[in-house]
Amino acid sequence: MSDEYGDAATPHGALHGGVIGVVGASGGLGTTTLCAALAMRGAMARGRSLLVDGHPRGGGIDVHLGLDAEQGLRWPDLVSVRGDIDSAEVVAGLPSTQGCAVLSWDRRPGPRVDGAGASLARALTLRSGLCVIDLPGPEASEPERWWQLCDHVVMVSGGGVHQVAAAAITAECLIAAVERDSPTERPGRFPAGQIHVSGVLREQQRGAADRDLVSAVLGLPFVGVMKHDPKVVSALIRGEPVGVRSSPVSLLADAILADALSSKRGAA
């Protein structure tokens, strides 16, 4: 896959609706579910959004929007792209529902794009309204290239001892990536050092640390708690987009969107 992409139809530095990335500090925390809810709630509030899947072996985030059987472009269709692209045409060719388009992996084994895929994702964000990225974690190849696409990064942490320890490592990597960023790499976005990083605590078991304690340990503001949500399972069974109905995860997504918007205004 080409390491750099240009957009034949979009001027450098074009304004966009903001990019929110979500990264899990460890596995099984529901980051993909939260990303889908953020994208759907954003589309419902703002008319359109783009959801980008950063996990080549994750089974496809399109499942969370009920679009896994729908025709449209996916990552394996784009790995041979070289040079300039018309990102508006690419976005128009993606599966979508209720104003939310998704660039997803699918169920086919295929090549990884890893860090190089961030270049294509960047070109698409410049042509989109709100963009939500299911970010790769620190163990991926060149995850910083994905993190630095974002205006706002949300790290999801568990409350167990080992989970908080893993979150401390992820948070340190995130902050280091933010500090290395520069305005020329992020046209139309916050100046260097002003990518907003916040946390969400995944409520999992009794005896785990609470949100305020984890926030204090990690030195990050925590937006909320991701509670167990039975409506997620029922939505997946029905093939309905996660977050389209009012539920704990959709309320959390609304809170994150409000926090991201507030942070963007504060940095302007």
C-alpha atoms as a PDB file:
ATOM      1  CA  MET A   1       0.000   0.000   0.000  1.00  0.00           C
ATOM      2  CA  SER A   2       1.292   3.451  -0.840  1.00  0.00           C
ATOM      3  CA  ASP A   3       2.769   5.263   2.137  1.00  0.00           C
ATOM      4  CA  GLU A   4       1.421   8.697   1.151  1.00  0.00           C
ATOM      5  CA  TYR A   5      -1.835   9.826  -0.420  1.00  0.00           C
ATOM      6  CA  GLY A   6      -3.016  13.108  -1.790  1.00  0.00           C
ATOM      7  CA  ASP A   7      -6.586  14.182  -2.376  1.00  0.00           C
ATOM      8  CA  ALA A   8      -7.092  15.351  -5.932  1.00  0.00           C
ATOM      9  CA  ALA A   9     -10.291  17.176  -4.936  1.00  0.00           C
ATOM     10  CA  THR A  10      -9.479  18.666  -1.520  1.00  0.00           C
ATOM     11  CA  PRO A  11      -7.089  21.582  -0.873  1.00  0.00           C
ATOM     12  CA  HIS A  12      -4.416  21.112   1.772  1.00  0.00           C
ATOM     13  CA  GLY A  13      -5.684  22.298   5.124  1.00  0.00           C
ATOM     14  CA  ALA A  14      -9.390  21.951   4.348  1.00  0.00           C
ATOM     15  CA  LEU A  15     -11.598  22.310   7.405  1.00  0.00           C
ATOM     16  CA  HIS A  16     -13.416  19.300   8.756  1.00  0.00           C
ATOM     17  CA  GLY A  17     -15.735  18.376  11.578  1.00  0.00           C
ATOM     18  CA  GLY A  18     -13.136  16.887  13.906  1.00  0.00           C
ATOM     19  CA  VAL A  19     -11.551  13.493  14.428  1.00  0.00           C
ATOM     20  CA  ILE A  20     -12.180  11.445  17.567  1.00  0.00           C
ATOM     21  CA  GLY A  21     -10.082   8.338  18.137  1.00  0.00           C
ATOM     22  CA  VAL A  22     -10.771   5.591  20.661  1.00  0.00           C
ATOM     23  CA  VAL A  23      -8.031   3.245  21.876  1.00  0.00           C
ATOM     24  CA  GLY A  24      -8.309   0.364  24.304  1.00  0.00           C
ATOM     25  CA  ALA A  25      -5.612   0.098  26.975  1.00  0.00           C
ATOM     26  CA  SER A  26      -6.162  -3.671  26.956  1.00  0.00           C
ATOM     27  CA  GLY A  27      -8.381  -6.152  25.149  1.00  0.00           C
ATOM     28  CA  GLY A  28     -12.078  -6.794  25.646  1.00  0.00           C
ATOM     29  CA  LEU A  29     -13.062  -3.315  26.834  1.00  0.00           C
ATOM     30  CA  GLY A  30     -15.672  -2.566  24.160  1.00  0.00           C
ATOM     31  CA  THR A  31     -13.791   0.107  22.213  1.00  0.00           C
ATOM     32  CA  THR A  32     -15.326  -0.985  18.898  1.00  0.00           C
ATOM     33  CA  THR A  33     -18.810  -0.741  20.392  1.00  0.00           C
ATOM     34  CA  LEU A  34     -18.058   2.730  21.710  1.00  0.00           C
ATOM     35  CA  CYS A  35     -16.677   3.841  18.329  1.00  0.00           C
ATOM     36  CA  ALA A  36     -19.814   2.675  16.532  1.00  0.00           C
ATOM     37  CA  ALA A  37     -22.021   4.489  19.039  1.00  0.00           C
ATOM     38  CA  LEU A  38     -19.951   7.680  18.698  1.00  0.00           C
ATOM     39  CA  ALA A  39     -20.205   7.623  14.910  1.00  0.00           C
ATOM     40  CA  MET A  40     -23.955   6.959  14.946  1.00  0.00           C
ATOM     41  CA  ARG A  41     -24.695   9.596  17.585  1.00  0.00           C
ATOM     42  CA  GLY A  42     -22.519  12.049  15.681  1.00  0.00           C
ATOM     43  CA  ALA A  43     -24.377  11.362  12.433  1.00  0.00           C
ATOM     44  CA  MET A  44     -27.726  11.741  14.182  1.00  0.00           C
ATOM     45  CA  ALA A  45     -26.668  15.081  15.698  1.00  0.00           C
ATOM     46  CA  ARG A  46     -24.691  16.545  12.796  1.00  0.00           C
ATOM     47  CA  GLY A  47     -26.122  14.900   9.680  1.00  0.00           C
ATOM     48  CA  ARG A  48     -23.128  12.776   8.708  1.00  0.00           C
ATOM     49  CA  SER A  49     -20.059  11.036  10.059  1.00  0.00           C
ATOM     50  CA  LEU A  50     -17.297   8.659   9.008  1.00  0.00           C
ATOM     51  CA  LEU A  51     -16.260   5.584  11.006  1.00  0.00           C
ATOM     52  CA  VAL A  52     -12.793   4.134  10.298  1.00  0.00           C
ATOM     53  CA  ASP A  53     -11.739   0.632  11.347  1.00  0.00           C
ATOM     54  CA  GLY A  54      -8.112   0.447  12.499  1.00  0.00           C
ATOM     55  CA  HIS A  55      -8.096  -3.284  13.323  1.00  0.00           C
ATOM     56  CA  PRO A  56      -7.327  -5.539  10.319  1.00  0.00           C
ATOM     57  CA  ARG A  57      -8.043  -8.738  12.264  1.00  0.00           C
ATOM     58  CA  GLY A  58     -11.020  -7.481  14.236  1.00  0.00           C
ATOM     59  CA  GLY A  59     -13.759  -9.042  12.099  1.00  0.00           C
ATOM     60  CA  GLY A  60     -15.009  -5.742  10.681  1.00  0.00           C
ATOM     61  CA  ILE A  61     -16.525  -2.790  12.511  1.00  0.00           C
ATOM     62  CA  ASP A  62     -19.303  -2.729   9.894  1.00  0.00           C
ATOM     63  CA  VAL A  63     -20.989  -5.487  11.926  1.00  0.00           C
ATOM     64  CA  HIS A  64     -21.692  -2.919  14.640  1.00  0.00           C
ATOM     65  CA  LEU A  65     -23.637  -0.809  12.151  1.00  0.00           C
ATOM     66  CA  GLY A  66     -25.563  -3.722  10.647  1.00  0.00           C
ATOM     67  CA  LEU A  67     -23.723  -3.205   7.347  1.00  0.00           C
ATOM     68  CA  ASP A  68     -21.635  -6.367   7.099  1.00  0.00           C
ATOM     69  CA  ALA A  69     -23.841  -7.771   4.306  1.00  0.00           C
ATOM     70  CA  GLU A  70     -24.047  -4.472   2.400  1.00  0.00           C
ATOM     71  CA  GLN A  71     -22.108  -3.745  -0.793  1.00  0.00           C
ATOM     72  CA  GLY A  72     -19.454  -1.025  -0.759  1.00  0.00           C
ATOM     73  CA  LEU A  73     -15.746  -0.345  -0.474  1.00  0.00           C
ATOM     74  CA  ARG A  74     -13.720  -1.827   2.352  1.00  0.00           C
ATOM     75  CA  TRP A  75     -10.042  -1.778   3.275  1.00  0.00           C
ATOM     76  CA  PRO A  76      -9.128  -4.806   1.099  1.00  0.00           C
ATOM     77  CA  ASP A  77     -10.521  -2.942  -1.921  1.00  0.00           C
ATOM     78  CA  LEU A  78      -8.208   0.011  -1.303  1.00  0.00           C
ATOM     79  CA  VAL A  79      -4.833  -1.556  -0.500  1.00  0.00           C
ATOM     80  CA  SER A  80      -3.587  -1.165  -4.085  1.00  0.00           C
ATOM     81  CA  VAL A  81      -4.430   2.548  -4.304  1.00  0.00           C
ATOM     82  CA  ARG A  82      -1.487   4.747  -5.258  1.00  0.00           C
ATOM     83  CA  GLY A  83      -1.040   8.509  -5.410  1.00  0.00           C
ATOM     84  CA  ASP A  84      -3.878  11.025  -5.537  1.00  0.00           C
ATOM     85  CA  ILE A  85      -7.398   9.907  -4.726  1.00  0.00           C
ATOM     86  CA  ASP A  86     -10.786  11.579  -4.874  1.00  0.00           C
ATOM     87  CA  SER A  87     -11.640  11.088  -1.215  1.00  0.00           C
ATOM     88  CA  ALA A  88     -15.213  12.311  -1.712  1.00  0.00           C
ATOM     89  CA  GLU A  89     -15.699   9.519  -4.252  1.00  0.00           C
ATOM     90  CA  VAL A  90     -14.204   6.969  -1.865  1.00  0.00           C
ATOM     91  CA  VAL A  91     -16.473   8.084   1.004  1.00  0.00           C
ATOM     92  CA  ALA A  92     -19.490   7.970  -1.336  1.00  0.00           C
ATOM     93  CA  GLY A  93     -18.606   4.351  -2.172  1.00  0.00           C
ATOM     94  CA  LEU A  94     -18.516   3.181   1.450  1.00  0.00           C
ATOM     95  CA  PRO A  95     -21.398   1.296   3.098  1.00  0.00           C
ATOM     96  CA  SER A  96     -23.488   3.730   5.099  1.00  0.00           C
ATOM     97  CA  THR A  97     -26.568   4.004   7.258  1.00  0.00           C
ATOM     98  CA  GLN A  98     -28.439   7.061   8.518  1.00  0.00           C
ATOM     99  CA  GLY A  99     -25.628   9.393   7.452  1.00  0.00           C
ATOM    100  CA  CYS A 100     -22.823   7.289   8.911  1.00  0.00           C
ATOM    101  CA  ALA A 101     -20.333   5.889   6.381  1.00  0.00           C
ATOM    102  CA  VAL A 102     -17.847   3.213   7.430  1.00  0.00           C
ATOM    103  CA  LEU A 103     -14.428   2.184   6.135  1.00  0.00           C
ATOM    104  CA  SER A 104     -14.225  -1.303   7.586  1.00  0.00           C
ATOM    105  CA  TRP A 105     -12.194  -4.434   7.384  1.00  0.00           C
ATOM    106  CA  ASP A 106     -14.207  -7.521   6.557  1.00  0.00           C
ATOM    107  CA  ARG A 107     -14.156 -11.261   7.080  1.00  0.00           C
ATOM    108  CA  ARG A 108     -11.628 -11.984   4.302  1.00  0.00           C
ATOM    109  CA  PRO A 109      -7.995 -12.629   5.161  1.00  0.00           C
ATOM    110  CA  GLY A 110      -5.992  -9.876   3.536  1.00  0.00           C
ATOM    111  CA  PRO A 111      -2.891  -7.730   3.719  1.00  0.00           C
ATOM    112  CA  ARG A 112      -2.291  -5.440   6.646  1.00  0.00           C
ATOM    113  CA  VAL A 113      -1.986  -1.716   6.079  1.00  0.00           C
ATOM    114  CA  ASP A 114      -0.806  -0.822   9.587  1.00  0.00           C
ATOM    115  CA  GLY A 115       0.798   2.641   9.743  1.00  0.00           C
ATOM    116  CA  ALA A 116       0.639   3.224   5.993  1.00  0.00           C
ATOM    117  CA  GLY A 117      -3.157   3.046   6.138  1.00  0.00           C
ATOM    118  CA  ALA A 118      -3.144   6.193   8.248  1.00  0.00           C
ATOM    119  CA  SER A 119      -2.217   8.179   5.140  1.00  0.00           C
ATOM    120  CA  LEU A 120      -5.400   7.108   3.374  1.00  0.00           C
ATOM    121  CA  ALA A 121      -7.459   7.641   6.527  1.00  0.00           C
ATOM    122  CA  ARG A 122      -6.002  11.146   6.784  1.00  0.00           C
ATOM    123  CA  ALA A 123      -7.076  11.983   3.238  1.00  0.00           C
ATOM    124  CA  LEU A 124     -10.611  10.799   4.002  1.00  0.00           C
ATOM    125  CA  THR A 125     -10.879  12.807   7.230  1.00  0.00           C
ATOM    126  CA  LEU A 126     -10.114  15.990   5.311  1.00  0.00           C
ATOM    127  CA  ARG A 127     -13.257  15.409   3.233  1.00  0.00           C
ATOM    128  CA  SER A 128     -15.557  14.245   6.018  1.00  0.00           C
ATOM    129  CA  GLY A 129     -17.573  15.827   8.767  1.00  0.00           C
ATOM    130  CA  LEU A 130     -17.101  14.170  12.112  1.00  0.00           C
ATOM    131  CA  CYS A 131     -14.729  11.185  11.866  1.00  0.00           C
ATOM    132  CA  VAL A 132     -14.399   8.433  14.487  1.00  0.00           C
ATOM    133  CA  ILE A 133     -11.422   6.056  14.357  1.00  0.00           C
ATOM    134  CA  ASP A 134     -11.167   2.723  16.161  1.00  0.00           C
ATOM    135  CA  LEU A 135      -7.459   3.191  16.847  1.00  0.00           C
ATOM    136  CA  PRO A 136      -4.797   0.489  16.996  1.00  0.00           C
ATOM    137  CA  GLY A 137      -3.053   0.094  20.343  1.00  0.00           C
ATOM    138  CA  PRO A 138       0.623   0.584  21.184  1.00  0.00           C
ATOM    139  CA  GLU A 139       1.424  -2.992  20.138  1.00  0.00           C
ATOM    140  CA  ALA A 140       0.536  -2.251  16.481  1.00  0.00           C
ATOM    141  CA  SER A 141       2.999  -1.135  13.834  1.00  0.00           C
ATOM    142  CA  GLU A 142       3.396   2.663  13.839  1.00  0.00           C
ATOM    143  CA  PRO A 143       0.295   3.395  15.947  1.00  0.00           C
ATOM    144  CA  GLU A 144       1.451   6.993  16.412  1.00  0.00           C
ATOM    145  CA  ARG A 145       0.579   7.715  12.792  1.00  0.00           C
ATOM    146  CA  TRP A 146      -3.037   6.864  13.575  1.00  0.00           C
ATOM    147  CA  TRP A 147      -3.132   8.678  16.913  1.00  0.00           C
ATOM    148  CA  GLN A 148      -1.792  11.865  15.364  1.00  0.00           C
ATOM    149  CA  LEU A 149      -4.771  12.009  12.975  1.00  0.00           C
ATOM    150  CA  CYS A 150      -7.016  12.881  15.911  1.00  0.00           C
ATOM    151  CA  ASP A 151      -8.192  16.055  17.575  1.00  0.00           C
ATOM    152  CA  HIS A 152      -9.460  14.107  20.564  1.00  0.00           C
ATOM    153  CA  VAL A 153      -8.299  10.674  21.773  1.00  0.00           C
ATOM    154  CA  VAL A 154     -10.327   8.651  24.267  1.00  0.00           C
ATOM    155  CA  MET A 155      -8.511   5.829  26.057  1.00  0.00           C
ATOM    156  CA  VAL A 156     -10.711   3.084  27.514  1.00  0.00           C
ATOM    157  CA  SER A 157      -9.327   1.470  30.672  1.00  0.00           C
ATOM    158  CA  GLY A 158     -10.485  -1.309  32.925  1.00  0.00           C
ATOM    159  CA  GLY A 159     -10.387  -0.852  36.692  1.00  0.00           C
ATOM    160  CA  GLY A 160      -8.386  -3.953  37.627  1.00  0.00           C
ATOM    161  CA  VAL A 161      -4.793  -3.654  38.808  1.00  0.00           C
ATOM    162  CA  HIS A 162      -3.270  -5.097  35.632  1.00  0.00           C
ATOM    163  CA  GLN A 163      -5.678  -3.115  33.457  1.00  0.00           C
ATOM    164  CA  VAL A 164      -4.708   0.166  35.103  1.00  0.00           C
ATOM    165  CA  ALA A 165      -1.044  -0.768  34.716  1.00  0.00           C
ATOM    166  CA  ALA A 166      -1.626  -1.383  31.000  1.00  0.00           C
ATOM    167  CA  ALA A 167      -3.508   1.910  30.775  1.00  0.00           C
ATOM    168  CA  ALA A 168      -0.531   3.740  32.287  1.00  0.00           C
ATOM    169  CA  ILE A 169       1.689   2.419  29.487  1.00  0.00           C
ATOM    170  CA  THR A 170      -0.831   3.338  26.801  1.00  0.00           C
ATOM    171  CA  ALA A 171      -1.349   6.805  28.272  1.00  0.00           C
ATOM    172  CA  GLU A 172       2.405   7.430  28.340  1.00  0.00           C
ATOM    173  CA  CYS A 173       2.690   6.370  24.679  1.00  0.00           C
ATOM    174  CA  LEU A 174      -0.251   8.599  23.721  1.00  0.00           C
ATOM    175  CA  ILE A 175       1.146  11.661  25.442  1.00  0.00           C
ATOM    176  CA  ALA A 176       4.556  11.079  23.842  1.00  0.00           C
ATOM    177  CA  ALA A 177       2.911  10.856  20.396  1.00  0.00           C
ATOM    178  CA  VAL A 178       0.934  14.047  21.023  1.00  0.00           C
ATOM    179  CA  GLU A 179       4.054  15.945  22.059  1.00  0.00           C
ATOM    180  CA  ARG A 180       5.859  14.888  18.874  1.00  0.00           C
ATOM    181  CA  ASP A 181       3.007  16.084  16.665  1.00  0.00           C
ATOM    182  CA  SER A 182       3.296  19.305  14.641  1.00  0.00           C
ATOM    183  CA  PRO A 183       0.762  21.673  13.012  1.00  0.00           C
ATOM    184  CA  THR A 184       2.044  20.925   9.505  1.00  0.00           C
ATOM    185  CA  GLU A 185       1.133  17.257   9.941  1.00  0.00           C
ATOM    186  CA  ARG A 186      -2.400  18.082  11.102  1.00  0.00           C
ATOM    187  CA  PRO A 187      -3.865  20.763   8.780  1.00  0.00           C
ATOM    188  CA  GLY A 188      -6.885  22.534  10.172  1.00  0.00           C
ATOM    189  CA  ARG A 189      -6.533  20.897  13.591  1.00  0.00           C
ATOM    190  CA  PHE A 190      -5.184  21.886  16.975  1.00  0.00           C
ATOM    191  CA  PRO A 191      -1.605  23.177  17.344  1.00  0.00           C
ATOM    192  CA  ALA A 192       1.051  20.754  18.588  1.00  0.00           C
ATOM    193  CA  GLY A 193       0.468  19.555  22.118  1.00  0.00           C
ATOM    194  CA  GLN A 194      -3.248  20.396  22.008  1.00  0.00           C
ATOM    195  CA  ILE A 195      -4.684  17.054  20.941  1.00  0.00           C
ATOM    196  CA  HIS A 196      -7.112  16.439  23.773  1.00  0.00           C
ATOM    197  CA  VAL A 197      -6.642  13.105  25.555  1.00  0.00           C
ATOM    198  CA  SER A 198      -9.249  11.793  27.984  1.00  0.00           C
ATOM    199  CA  GLY A 199     -10.303   8.484  29.472  1.00  0.00           C
ATOM    200  CA  VAL A 200     -13.318   6.243  29.931  1.00  0.00           C
ATOM    201  CA  LEU A 201     -13.518   3.549  32.598  1.00  0.00           C
ATOM    202  CA  ARG A 202     -15.042   0.229  31.578  1.00  0.00           C
ATOM    203  CA  GLU A 203     -17.224  -1.068  34.392  1.00  0.00           C
ATOM    204  CA  GLN A 204     -16.456  -4.777  34.612  1.00  0.00           C
ATOM    205  CA  GLN A 205     -16.305  -6.307  38.048  1.00  0.00           C
ATOM    206  CA  ARG A 206     -16.754  -5.476  41.703  1.00  0.00           C
ATOM    207  CA  GLY A 207     -13.659  -4.531  43.603  1.00  0.00           C
ATOM    208  CA  ALA A 208     -12.135  -2.612  40.695  1.00  0.00           C
ATOM    209  CA  ALA A 209     -10.954   0.959  41.119  1.00  0.00           C
ATOM    210  CA  ASP A 210     -13.497   3.718  40.510  1.00  0.00           C
ATOM    211  CA  ARG A 211     -13.310   6.391  37.846  1.00  0.00           C
ATOM    212  CA  ASP A 212     -11.861   9.137  40.031  1.00  0.00           C
ATOM    213  CA  LEU A 213      -9.093   6.902  41.357  1.00  0.00           C
ATOM    214  CA  VAL A 214      -8.076   5.668  37.900  1.00  0.00           C
ATOM    215  CA  SER A 215      -8.196   9.245  36.615  1.00  0.00           C
ATOM    216  CA  ALA A 216      -5.875  10.374  39.412  1.00  0.00           C
ATOM    217  CA  VAL A 217      -3.453   7.477  38.908  1.00  0.00           C
ATOM    218  CA  LEU A 218      -3.199   8.066  35.159  1.00  0.00           C
ATOM    219  CA  GLY A 219      -3.278  11.856  35.316  1.00  0.00           C
ATOM    220  CA  LEU A 220      -6.032  12.063  32.698  1.00  0.00           C
ATOM    221  CA  PRO A 221      -9.536  13.521  32.880  1.00  0.00           C
ATOM    222  CA  PHE A 222     -12.134  10.753  32.631  1.00  0.00           C
ATOM    223  CA  VAL A 223     -15.318  11.571  30.729  1.00  0.00           C
ATOM    224  CA  GLY A 224     -17.451   8.748  32.095  1.00  0.00           C
ATOM    225  CA  VAL A 225     -17.993   5.063  32.775  1.00  0.00           C
ATOM    226  CA  MET A 226     -18.880   2.519  30.091  1.00  0.00           C
ATOM    227  CA  LYS A 227     -21.498   0.344  31.749  1.00  0.00           C
ATOM    228  CA  HIS A 228     -22.861  -3.014  30.683  1.00  0.00           C
ATOM    229  CA  ASP A 229     -25.460  -2.337  27.998  1.00  0.00           C
ATOM    230  CA  PRO A 230     -27.873  -5.158  27.073  1.00  0.00           C
ATOM    231  CA  LYS A 231     -29.145  -3.108  24.132  1.00  0.00           C
ATOM    232  CA  VAL A 232     -25.807  -3.611  22.360  1.00  0.00           C
ATOM    233  CA  VAL A 233     -26.310  -7.368  22.084  1.00  0.00           C
ATOM    234  CA  SER A 234     -29.911  -6.984  20.960  1.00  0.00           C
ATOM    235  CA  ALA A 235     -28.859  -4.415  18.323  1.00  0.00           C
ATOM    236  CA  LEU A 236     -26.187  -6.763  16.955  1.00  0.00           C
ATOM    237  CA  ILE A 237     -28.693  -9.624  16.782  1.00  0.00           C
ATOM    238  CA  ARG A 238     -31.209  -7.443  14.909  1.00  0.00           C
ATOM    239  CA  GLY A 239     -28.560  -6.020  12.581  1.00  0.00           C
ATOM    240  CA  GLU A 240     -29.290  -2.538  13.922  1.00  0.00           C
ATOM    241  CA  PRO A 241     -26.610   0.157  14.352  1.00  0.00           C
ATOM    242  CA  VAL A 242     -25.215   0.326  17.872  1.00  0.00           C
ATOM    243  CA  GLY A 243     -26.091   3.656  19.486  1.00  0.00           C
ATOM    244  CA  VAL A 244     -29.152   4.444  17.414  1.00  0.00           C
ATOM    245  CA  ARG A 245     -31.414   3.910  20.451  1.00  0.00           C
ATOM    246  CA  SER A 246     -31.064   5.587  23.832  1.00  0.00           C
ATOM    247  CA  SER A 247     -28.998   3.330  26.105  1.00  0.00           C
ATOM    248  CA  PRO A 248     -25.990   3.517  28.469  1.00  0.00           C
ATOM    249  CA  VAL A 249     -23.482   3.399  25.598  1.00  0.00           C
ATOM    250  CA  SER A 250     -25.310   6.024  23.540  1.00  0.00           C
ATOM    251  CA  LEU A 251     -25.493   8.353  26.559  1.00  0.00           C
ATOM    252  CA  LEU A 252     -21.752   7.907  27.096  1.00  0.00           C
ATOM    253  CA  ALA A 253     -21.151   8.627  23.414  1.00  0.00           C
ATOM    254  CA  ASP A 254     -23.174  11.837  23.714  1.00  0.00           C
ATOM    255  CA  ALA A 255     -21.055  12.889  26.709  1.00  0.00           C
ATOM    256  CA  ILE A 256     -17.813  12.226  24.798  1.00  0.00           C
ATOM    257  CA  LEU A 257     -19.053  14.187  21.779  1.00  0.00           C
ATOM    258  CA  ALA A 258     -19.961  17.121  24.036  1.00  0.00           C
ATOM    259  CA  ASP A 259     -16.545  16.943  25.728  1.00  0.00           C
ATOM    260  CA  ALA A 260     -14.754  16.803  22.377  1.00  0.00           C
ATOM    261  CA  LEU A 261     -16.694  19.797  21.071  1.00  0.00           C
ATOM    262  CA  SER A 262     -15.970  21.746  24.268  1.00  0.00           C
ATOM    263  CA  SER A 263     -12.259  20.899  24.048  1.00  0.00           C
ATOM    264  CA  LYS A 264     -12.112  21.997  20.423  1.00  0.00           C
ATOM    265  CA  ARG A 265     -13.736  25.335  21.229  1.00  0.00           C
ATOM    266  CA  GLY A 266     -11.380  25.837  24.167  1.00  0.00           C
ATOM    267  CA  ALA A 267      -8.333  25.288  21.949  1.00  0.00           C
ATOM    268  CA  ALA A 268      -9.563  27.566  19.170  1.00  0.00           C
END
